[in-house]
Amino acid sequence: FCDLLLPTSDYPHGYPFDSDEQNFPLNNLRFIGLVAMIDPPRAAVPDAVAKCRSAGIKVKCGVFSFV
């Protein structure tokens, strides 16, 4: 995942973004993160998240279901 604030003058609501034509900026993006998980988190996860947070890393968790 990444994000970049785009000017609404160039990219108004409903703008037809096209990944084949790449009609949008592809540089100066900010990496947010990428997660893929099939099985439940292991017991060591809470400690790993705590270590990340103590190092100044913002950890965000979400539950997504694709059926």
PDB file of N, CA and C in Angstrom:
ATOM      1  N   PHE A   1       0.838  -1.168   0.000  1.00  0.00           N
ATOM      2  CA  PHE A   1       0.000   0.000   0.000  1.00  0.00           C
ATOM      3  C   PHE A   1       0.885   1.233   0.000  1.00  0.00           C
ATOM      4  N   CYS A   2       0.428   2.289  -0.617  1.00  0.00           N
ATOM      5  CA  CYS A   2       1.136   3.558  -0.581  1.00  0.00           C
ATOM      6  C   CYS A   2       0.101   4.673  -0.706  1.00  0.00           C
ATOM      7  N   ASP A   3       0.554   5.888  -0.436  1.00  0.00           N
ATOM      8  CA  ASP A   3      -0.372   7.001  -0.608  1.00  0.00           C
ATOM      9  C   ASP A   3       0.373   8.231  -1.095  1.00  0.00           C
ATOM     10  N   LEU A   4      -0.353   9.134  -1.698  1.00  0.00           N
ATOM     11  CA  LEU A   4       0.172  10.399  -2.185  1.00  0.00           C
ATOM     12  C   LEU A   4      -1.019  11.333  -2.327  1.00  0.00           C
ATOM     13  N   LEU A   5      -0.916  12.506  -1.731  1.00  0.00           N
ATOM     14  CA  LEU A   5      -2.001  13.480  -1.869  1.00  0.00           C
ATOM     15  C   LEU A   5      -1.945  14.076  -3.267  1.00  0.00           C
ATOM     16  N   LEU A   6      -3.024  13.952  -4.002  1.00  0.00           N
ATOM     17  CA  LEU A   6      -3.099  14.461  -5.366  1.00  0.00           C
ATOM     18  C   LEU A   6      -3.956  15.718  -5.401  1.00  0.00           C
ATOM     19  N   PRO A   7      -3.568  16.713  -6.195  1.00  0.00           N
ATOM     20  CA  PRO A   7      -4.375  17.936  -6.281  1.00  0.00           C
ATOM     21  C   PRO A   7      -5.725  17.647  -6.939  1.00  0.00           C
ATOM     22  N   THR A   8      -6.784  18.097  -6.297  1.00  0.00           N
ATOM     23  CA  THR A   8      -8.121  17.846  -6.844  1.00  0.00           C
ATOM     24  C   THR A   8      -8.354  18.600  -8.152  1.00  0.00           C
ATOM     25  N   SER A   9      -7.531  19.607  -8.429  1.00  0.00           N
ATOM     26  CA  SER A   9      -7.665  20.310  -9.713  1.00  0.00           C
ATOM     27  C   SER A   9      -7.245  19.408 -10.875  1.00  0.00           C
ATOM     28  N   ASP A  10      -6.289  18.518 -10.642  1.00  0.00           N
ATOM     29  CA  ASP A  10      -5.830  17.586 -11.678  1.00  0.00           C
ATOM     30  C   ASP A  10      -6.538  16.236 -11.603  1.00  0.00           C
ATOM     31  N   TYR A  11      -6.974  15.859 -10.401  1.00  0.00           N
ATOM     32  CA  TYR A  11      -7.594  14.549 -10.180  1.00  0.00           C
ATOM     33  C   TYR A  11      -8.894  14.730  -9.397  1.00  0.00           C
ATOM     34  N   PRO A  12      -9.946  15.235 -10.043  1.00  0.00           N
ATOM     35  CA  PRO A  12     -11.213  15.478  -9.339  1.00  0.00           C
ATOM     36  C   PRO A  12     -11.891  14.172  -8.929  1.00  0.00           C
ATOM     37  N   HIS A  13     -12.874  14.297  -8.059  1.00  0.00           N
ATOM     38  CA  HIS A  13     -13.652  13.135  -7.628  1.00  0.00           C
ATOM     39  C   HIS A  13     -14.193  12.414  -8.859  1.00  0.00           C
ATOM     40  N   GLY A  14     -14.003  11.108  -8.909  1.00  0.00           N
ATOM     41  CA  GLY A  14     -14.471  10.325 -10.040  1.00  0.00           C
ATOM     42  C   GLY A  14     -13.467  10.221 -11.182  1.00  0.00           C
ATOM     43  N   TYR A  15     -12.249  10.754 -10.981  1.00  0.00           N
ATOM     44  CA  TYR A  15     -11.220  10.687 -12.027  1.00  0.00           C
ATOM     45  C   TYR A  15     -11.004   9.228 -12.434  1.00  0.00           C
ATOM     46  N   PRO A  16     -10.943   8.936 -13.730  1.00  0.00           N
ATOM     47  CA  PRO A  16     -10.799   7.541 -14.183  1.00  0.00           C
ATOM     48  C   PRO A  16      -9.339   7.065 -14.166  1.00  0.00           C
ATOM     49  N   PHE A  17      -8.832   6.702 -12.992  1.00  0.00           N
ATOM     50  CA  PHE A  17      -7.468   6.182 -12.888  1.00  0.00           C
ATOM     51  C   PHE A  17      -7.353   4.914 -13.723  1.00  0.00           C
ATOM     52  N   ASP A  18      -6.266   4.795 -14.469  1.00  0.00           N
ATOM     53  CA  ASP A  18      -6.076   3.654 -15.365  1.00  0.00           C
ATOM     54  C   ASP A  18      -4.670   3.095 -15.161  1.00  0.00           C
ATOM     55  N   SER A  19      -4.575   1.914 -14.563  1.00  0.00           N
ATOM     56  CA  SER A  19      -3.260   1.330 -14.286  1.00  0.00           C
ATOM     57  C   SER A  19      -2.552   0.884 -15.556  1.00  0.00           C
ATOM     58  N   ASP A  20      -3.287   0.628 -16.631  1.00  0.00           N
ATOM     59  CA  ASP A  20      -2.648   0.266 -17.903  1.00  0.00           C
ATOM     60  C   ASP A  20      -1.993   1.486 -18.554  1.00  0.00           C
ATOM     61  N   GLU A  21      -2.679   2.614 -18.515  1.00  0.00           N
ATOM     62  CA  GLU A  21      -2.147   3.855 -19.100  1.00  0.00           C
ATOM     63  C   GLU A  21      -1.242   4.604 -18.120  1.00  0.00           C
ATOM     64  N   GLN A  22      -1.337   4.265 -16.848  1.00  0.00           N
ATOM     65  CA  GLN A  22      -0.594   4.933 -15.768  1.00  0.00           C
ATOM     66  C   GLN A  22      -0.759   6.448 -15.868  1.00  0.00           C
ATOM     67  N   ASN A  23      -1.999   6.888 -15.807  1.00  0.00           N
ATOM     68  CA  ASN A  23      -2.331   8.307 -15.913  1.00  0.00           C
ATOM     69  C   ASN A  23      -2.350   8.984 -14.544  1.00  0.00           C
ATOM     70  N   PHE A  24      -1.368   8.654 -13.733  1.00  0.00           N
ATOM     71  CA  PHE A  24      -1.245   9.199 -12.388  1.00  0.00           C
ATOM     72  C   PHE A  24       0.228   9.134 -11.994  1.00  0.00           C
ATOM     73  N   PRO A  25       0.660   9.921 -10.988  1.00  0.00           N
ATOM     74  CA  PRO A  25       2.067   9.927 -10.579  1.00  0.00           C
ATOM     75  C   PRO A  25       2.498   8.570 -10.017  1.00  0.00           C
ATOM     76  N   LEU A  26       3.729   8.198 -10.308  1.00  0.00           N
ATOM     77  CA  LEU A  26       4.290   6.953  -9.786  1.00  0.00           C
ATOM     78  C   LEU A  26       5.555   7.198  -8.966  1.00  0.00           C
ATOM     79  N   ASN A  27       5.863   8.461  -8.663  1.00  0.00           N
ATOM     80  CA  ASN A  27       7.039   8.751  -7.844  1.00  0.00           C
ATOM     81  C   ASN A  27       6.623   9.546  -6.614  1.00  0.00           C
ATOM     82  N   ASN A  28       7.531   9.636  -5.664  1.00  0.00           N
ATOM     83  CA  ASN A  28       7.298  10.333  -4.389  1.00  0.00           C
ATOM     84  C   ASN A  28       6.138   9.742  -3.596  1.00  0.00           C
ATOM     85  N   LEU A  29       5.917   8.447  -3.740  1.00  0.00           N
ATOM     86  CA  LEU A  29       4.892   7.770  -2.951  1.00  0.00           C
ATOM     87  C   LEU A  29       5.456   7.438  -1.576  1.00  0.00           C
ATOM     88  N   ARG A  30       4.605   7.260  -0.611  1.00  0.00           N
ATOM     89  CA  ARG A  30       5.013   6.880   0.738  1.00  0.00           C
ATOM     90  C   ARG A  30       4.535   5.462   0.973  1.00  0.00           C
ATOM     91  N   PHE A  31       5.481   4.556   1.271  1.00  0.00           N
ATOM     92  CA  PHE A  31       5.134   3.164   1.538  1.00  0.00           C
ATOM     93  C   PHE A  31       4.433   3.076   2.875  1.00  0.00           C
ATOM     94  N   ILE A  32       3.256   2.505   2.880  1.00  0.00           N
ATOM     95  CA  ILE A  32       2.492   2.354   4.112  1.00  0.00           C
ATOM     96  C   ILE A  32       2.682   0.965   4.686  1.00  0.00           C
ATOM     97  N   GLY A  33       2.638  -0.042   3.865  1.00  0.00           N
ATOM     98  CA  GLY A  33       2.860  -1.400   4.351  1.00  0.00           C
ATOM     99  C   GLY A  33       2.168  -2.413   3.479  1.00  0.00           C
ATOM    100  N   LEU A  34       2.519  -3.641   3.715  1.00  0.00           N
ATOM    101  CA  LEU A  34       1.945  -4.741   2.965  1.00  0.00           C
ATOM    102  C   LEU A  34       1.882  -5.947   3.888  1.00  0.00           C
ATOM    103  N   VAL A  35       0.734  -6.569   3.928  1.00  0.00           N
ATOM    104  CA  VAL A  35       0.551  -7.727   4.793  1.00  0.00           C
ATOM    105  C   VAL A  35      -0.238  -8.782   4.045  1.00  0.00           C
ATOM    106  N   ALA A  36       0.198 -10.006   4.181  1.00  0.00           N
ATOM    107  CA  ALA A  36      -0.558 -11.138   3.653  1.00  0.00           C
ATOM    108  C   ALA A  36      -0.511 -12.233   4.706  1.00  0.00           C
ATOM    109  N   MET A  37      -1.658 -12.733   5.084  1.00  0.00           N
ATOM    110  CA  MET A  37      -1.694 -13.713   6.157  1.00  0.00           C
ATOM    111  C   MET A  37      -2.812 -14.712   5.893  1.00  0.00           C
ATOM    112  N   ILE A  38      -2.484 -15.965   5.993  1.00  0.00           N
ATOM    113  CA  ILE A  38      -3.485 -17.014   5.826  1.00  0.00           C
ATOM    114  C   ILE A  38      -3.844 -17.619   7.179  1.00  0.00           C
ATOM    115  N   ASP A  39      -2.842 -17.763   8.037  1.00  0.00           N
ATOM    116  CA  ASP A  39      -3.087 -18.397   9.331  1.00  0.00           C
ATOM    117  C   ASP A  39      -3.149 -17.344  10.435  1.00  0.00           C
ATOM    118  N   PRO A  40      -3.646 -17.702  11.608  1.00  0.00           N
ATOM    119  CA  PRO A  40      -3.737 -16.744  12.714  1.00  0.00           C
ATOM    120  C   PRO A  40      -2.346 -16.316  13.194  1.00  0.00           C
ATOM    121  N   PRO A  41      -2.245 -15.124  13.786  1.00  0.00           N
ATOM    122  CA  PRO A  41      -0.953 -14.658  14.302  1.00  0.00           C
ATOM    123  C   PRO A  41      -0.386 -15.605  15.354  1.00  0.00           C
ATOM    124  N   ARG A  42       0.917 -15.694  15.389  1.00  0.00           N
ATOM    125  CA  ARG A  42       1.593 -16.549  16.371  1.00  0.00           C
ATOM    126  C   ARG A  42       1.677 -15.840  17.718  1.00  0.00           C
ATOM    127  N   ALA A  43       2.027 -16.586  18.739  1.00  0.00           N
ATOM    128  CA  ALA A  43       2.084 -16.051  20.101  1.00  0.00           C
ATOM    129  C   ALA A  43       3.100 -14.919  20.238  1.00  0.00           C
ATOM    130  N   ALA A  44       4.135 -14.894  19.411  1.00  0.00           N
ATOM    131  CA  ALA A  44       5.185 -13.875  19.514  1.00  0.00           C
ATOM    132  C   ALA A  44       4.778 -12.532  18.909  1.00  0.00           C
ATOM    133  N   VAL A  45       3.638 -12.479  18.251  1.00  0.00           N
ATOM    134  CA  VAL A  45       3.234 -11.249  17.559  1.00  0.00           C
ATOM    135  C   VAL A  45       3.070 -10.059  18.505  1.00  0.00           C
ATOM    136  N   PRO A  46       2.387 -10.188  19.643  1.00  0.00           N
ATOM    137  CA  PRO A  46       2.237  -9.017  20.519  1.00  0.00           C
ATOM    138  C   PRO A  46       3.576  -8.398  20.930  1.00  0.00           C
ATOM    139  N   ASP A  47       4.567  -9.236  21.226  1.00  0.00           N
ATOM    140  CA  ASP A  47       5.889  -8.721  21.598  1.00  0.00           C
ATOM    141  C   ASP A  47       6.557  -8.030  20.406  1.00  0.00           C
ATOM    142  N   ALA A  48       6.429  -8.612  19.223  1.00  0.00           N
ATOM    143  CA  ALA A  48       7.017  -8.003  18.021  1.00  0.00           C
ATOM    144  C   ALA A  48       6.379  -6.649  17.733  1.00  0.00           C
ATOM    145  N   VAL A  49       5.062  -6.551  17.898  1.00  0.00           N
ATOM    146  CA  VAL A  49       4.366  -5.279  17.685  1.00  0.00           C
ATOM    147  C   VAL A  49       4.827  -4.254  18.719  1.00  0.00           C
ATOM    148  N   ALA A  50       4.976  -4.676  19.962  1.00  0.00           N
ATOM    149  CA  ALA A  50       5.448  -3.771  21.018  1.00  0.00           C
ATOM    150  C   ALA A  50       6.851  -3.258  20.709  1.00  0.00           C
ATOM    151  N   LYS A  51       7.724  -4.117  20.215  1.00  0.00           N
ATOM    152  CA  LYS A  51       9.087  -3.696  19.857  1.00  0.00           C
ATOM    153  C   LYS A  51       9.054  -2.698  18.704  1.00  0.00           C
ATOM    154  N   CYS A  52       8.208  -2.945  17.723  1.00  0.00           N
ATOM    155  CA  CYS A  52       8.077  -1.996  16.610  1.00  0.00           C
ATOM    156  C   CYS A  52       7.618  -0.641  17.123  1.00  0.00           C
ATOM    157  N   ARG A  53       6.616  -0.645  17.962  1.00  0.00           N
ATOM    158  CA  ARG A  53       6.088   0.617  18.494  1.00  0.00           C
ATOM    159  C   ARG A  53       7.139   1.351  19.323  1.00  0.00           C
ATOM    160  N   SER A  54       7.921   0.607  20.123  1.00  0.00           N
ATOM    161  CA  SER A  54       8.953   1.257  20.935  1.00  0.00           C
ATOM    162  C   SER A  54      10.065   1.832  20.064  1.00  0.00           C
ATOM    163  N   ALA A  55      10.196   1.327  18.828  1.00  0.00           N
ATOM    164  CA  ALA A  55      11.185   1.856  17.887  1.00  0.00           C
ATOM    165  C   ALA A  55      10.622   3.024  17.077  1.00  0.00           C
ATOM    166  N   GLY A  56       9.369   3.408  17.349  1.00  0.00           N
ATOM    167  CA  GLY A  56       8.771   4.537  16.655  1.00  0.00           C
ATOM    168  C   GLY A  56       7.995   4.169  15.404  1.00  0.00           C
ATOM    169  N   ILE A  57       7.803   2.880  15.177  1.00  0.00           N
ATOM    170  CA  ILE A  57       7.050   2.426  14.010  1.00  0.00           C
ATOM    171  C   ILE A  57       5.574   2.387  14.376  1.00  0.00           C
ATOM    172  N   LYS A  58       4.738   3.014  13.558  1.00  0.00           N
ATOM    173  CA  LYS A  58       3.298   2.997  13.804  1.00  0.00           C
ATOM    174  C   LYS A  58       2.720   1.716  13.212  1.00  0.00           C
ATOM    175  N   VAL A  59       2.163   0.894  14.057  1.00  0.00           N
ATOM    176  CA  VAL A  59       1.598  -0.387  13.623  1.00  0.00           C
ATOM    177  C   VAL A  59       0.084  -0.255  13.570  1.00  0.00           C
ATOM    178  N   LYS A  60      -0.484  -0.569  12.430  1.00  0.00           N
ATOM    179  CA  LYS A  60      -1.937  -0.541  12.253  1.00  0.00           C
ATOM    180  C   LYS A  60      -2.390  -1.938  11.869  1.00  0.00           C
ATOM    181  N   CYS A  61      -3.442  -2.410  12.474  1.00  0.00           N
ATOM    182  CA  CYS A  61      -3.948  -3.749  12.184  1.00  0.00           C
ATOM    183  C   CYS A  61      -5.384  -3.635  11.688  1.00  0.00           C
ATOM    184  N   GLY A  62      -5.732  -4.514  10.792  1.00  0.00           N
ATOM    185  CA  GLY A  62      -7.086  -4.533  10.273  1.00  0.00           C
ATOM    186  C   GLY A  62      -7.469  -5.940   9.891  1.00  0.00           C
ATOM    187  N   VAL A  63      -8.750  -6.178   9.834  1.00  0.00           N
ATOM    188  CA  VAL A  63      -9.255  -7.490   9.429  1.00  0.00           C
ATOM    189  C   VAL A  63      -9.994  -7.301   8.113  1.00  0.00           C
ATOM    190  N   PHE A  64      -9.560  -8.028   7.110  1.00  0.00           N
ATOM    191  CA  PHE A  64     -10.175  -7.946   5.796  1.00  0.00           C
ATOM    192  C   PHE A  64     -10.589  -9.342   5.387  1.00  0.00           C
ATOM    193  N   SER A  65     -11.746  -9.452   4.856  1.00  0.00           N
ATOM    194  CA  SER A  65     -12.242 -10.746   4.405  1.00  0.00           C
ATOM    195  C   SER A  65     -12.658 -10.636   2.953  1.00  0.00           C
ATOM    196  N   PHE A  66     -12.069 -11.473   2.128  1.00  0.00           N
ATOM    197  CA  PHE A  66     -12.422 -11.514   0.715  1.00  0.00           C
ATOM    198  C   PHE A  66     -13.034 -12.866   0.433  1.00  0.00           C
ATOM    199  N   VAL A  67     -14.277 -12.852   0.060  1.00  0.00           N
ATOM    200  CA  VAL A  67     -14.984 -14.112  -0.185  1.00  0.00           C
ATOM    201  C   VAL A  67     -15.238 -14.263  -1.665  1.00  0.00           C
TER     202      VAL A  67
END
